[in-house]
Amino acid sequence: MERYAEYFKVLSVPNRLTVLEILKEGELNVTPVVDKTDLSQALVSKHLKLCTIAGLVKRKAKGSLVFYQVVNKGVFKLITQAQKLIFSA
């Protein structure tokens, strides 16, 4: 149960949802994510780290850069279902 709670806790932050939406495009490093948000590089990195710890995102080093990718695209179905549940009430 605790793992589920941690997963949903990570998804409960709007900026993290934004970061995940950007990662829908595929594997990206921090720079394009920063460019598409009003968030600082440090804040985007923090959100990506927490998403990685929760198992939502995986990281891969390529030279001096680190790239991030959503582990399971099913998370977007979960987010969509939550939106339907919340906004249909």
Protein backbone atom coordinates (compact mmCIF):
# COMPACT_ATOMS: atom_id res chain seq x y z
CA MET A 1 0.00 0.00 0.00
CA GLU A 2 2.80 2.40 0.81
CA ARG A 3 4.17 2.18 -2.73
CA TYR A 4 0.73 3.11 -4.10
CA ALA A 5 0.54 6.06 -1.77
CA GLU A 6 4.00 7.26 -2.83
CA TYR A 7 3.03 6.92 -6.50
CA PHE A 8 -0.10 9.04 -6.03
CA LYS A 9 1.77 11.51 -3.85
CA VAL A 10 4.17 12.17 -6.73
CA LEU A 11 1.22 12.61 -9.09
CA SER A 12 -0.45 15.07 -6.72
CA VAL A 13 1.84 17.97 -7.66
CA PRO A 14 0.68 19.97 -10.72
CA ASN A 15 4.23 20.80 -11.87
CA ARG A 16 5.12 17.10 -11.89
CA LEU A 17 2.08 16.37 -14.03
CA THR A 18 3.28 19.06 -16.43
CA VAL A 19 6.76 17.51 -16.54
CA LEU A 20 5.25 14.08 -17.22
CA GLU A 21 3.09 15.51 -20.01
CA ILE A 22 6.21 16.97 -21.63
CA LEU A 23 7.95 13.59 -21.35
CA LYS A 24 5.08 12.08 -23.35
CA GLU A 25 7.08 13.26 -26.37
CA GLY A 26 9.75 10.69 -25.51
CA GLU A 27 13.19 10.68 -24.00
CA LEU A 28 14.36 14.20 -23.09
CA ASN A 29 17.01 15.85 -20.99
CA VAL A 30 16.26 18.63 -18.51
CA THR A 31 16.82 21.55 -20.93
CA PRO A 32 13.77 21.03 -23.20
CA VAL A 33 11.58 20.46 -20.15
CA VAL A 34 12.79 23.75 -18.64
CA ASP A 35 12.23 25.51 -21.96
CA LYS A 36 8.60 24.33 -22.08
CA THR A 37 7.78 25.39 -18.52
CA ASP A 38 8.26 28.42 -16.30
CA LEU A 39 10.25 26.26 -13.90
CA SER A 40 13.93 26.59 -13.05
CA GLN A 41 16.42 23.92 -14.01
CA ALA A 42 16.86 23.03 -10.34
CA LEU A 43 13.13 22.60 -9.80
CA VAL A 44 12.67 20.47 -12.94
CA SER A 45 15.59 18.30 -11.82
CA LYS A 46 14.00 17.89 -8.39
CA HIS A 47 10.66 16.85 -9.90
CA LEU A 48 12.40 14.39 -12.23
CA LYS A 49 14.35 12.91 -9.32
CA LEU A 50 11.16 12.35 -7.31
CA CYS A 51 9.45 10.83 -10.36
CA THR A 52 12.44 8.53 -10.80
CA ILE A 53 12.40 7.43 -7.16
CA ALA A 54 8.66 6.66 -7.44
CA GLY A 55 9.28 4.56 -10.55
CA LEU A 56 7.38 6.81 -12.95
CA VAL A 57 10.47 7.88 -14.88
CA LYS A 58 13.79 6.27 -15.70
CA ARG A 59 17.03 8.11 -16.31
CA LYS A 60 19.83 7.26 -18.69
CA ALA A 61 23.20 8.99 -18.95
CA LYS A 62 24.49 9.73 -22.45
CA GLY A 63 27.87 11.35 -22.18
CA SER A 64 27.56 14.36 -19.90
CA LEU A 65 23.77 14.56 -20.29
CA VAL A 66 21.06 12.68 -18.46
CA PHE A 67 17.89 11.78 -20.33
CA TYR A 68 14.53 10.95 -18.79
CA GLN A 69 11.70 8.80 -20.09
CA VAL A 70 8.31 7.73 -18.71
CA VAL A 71 8.57 4.08 -17.65
CA ASN A 72 4.97 3.09 -18.29
CA LYS A 73 2.73 5.15 -20.56
CA GLY A 74 -0.24 3.69 -18.66
CA VAL A 75 0.27 6.51 -16.16
CA PHE A 76 -1.37 8.83 -18.69
CA LYS A 77 -4.49 6.63 -18.72
CA LEU A 78 -4.55 6.86 -14.94
CA ILE A 79 -4.28 10.66 -15.09
CA THR A 80 -7.06 10.83 -17.71
CA GLN A 81 -9.34 8.61 -15.61
CA ALA A 82 -8.67 10.78 -12.54
CA GLN A 83 -9.56 13.91 -14.52
CA LYS A 84 -12.82 12.30 -15.69
CA LEU A 85 -13.67 11.26 -12.15
CA ILE A 86 -12.94 14.69 -10.68
CA PHE A 87 -14.52 16.82 -13.37
CA SER A 88 -17.64 14.71 -13.90
CA ALA A 89 -18.70 14.97 -10.27
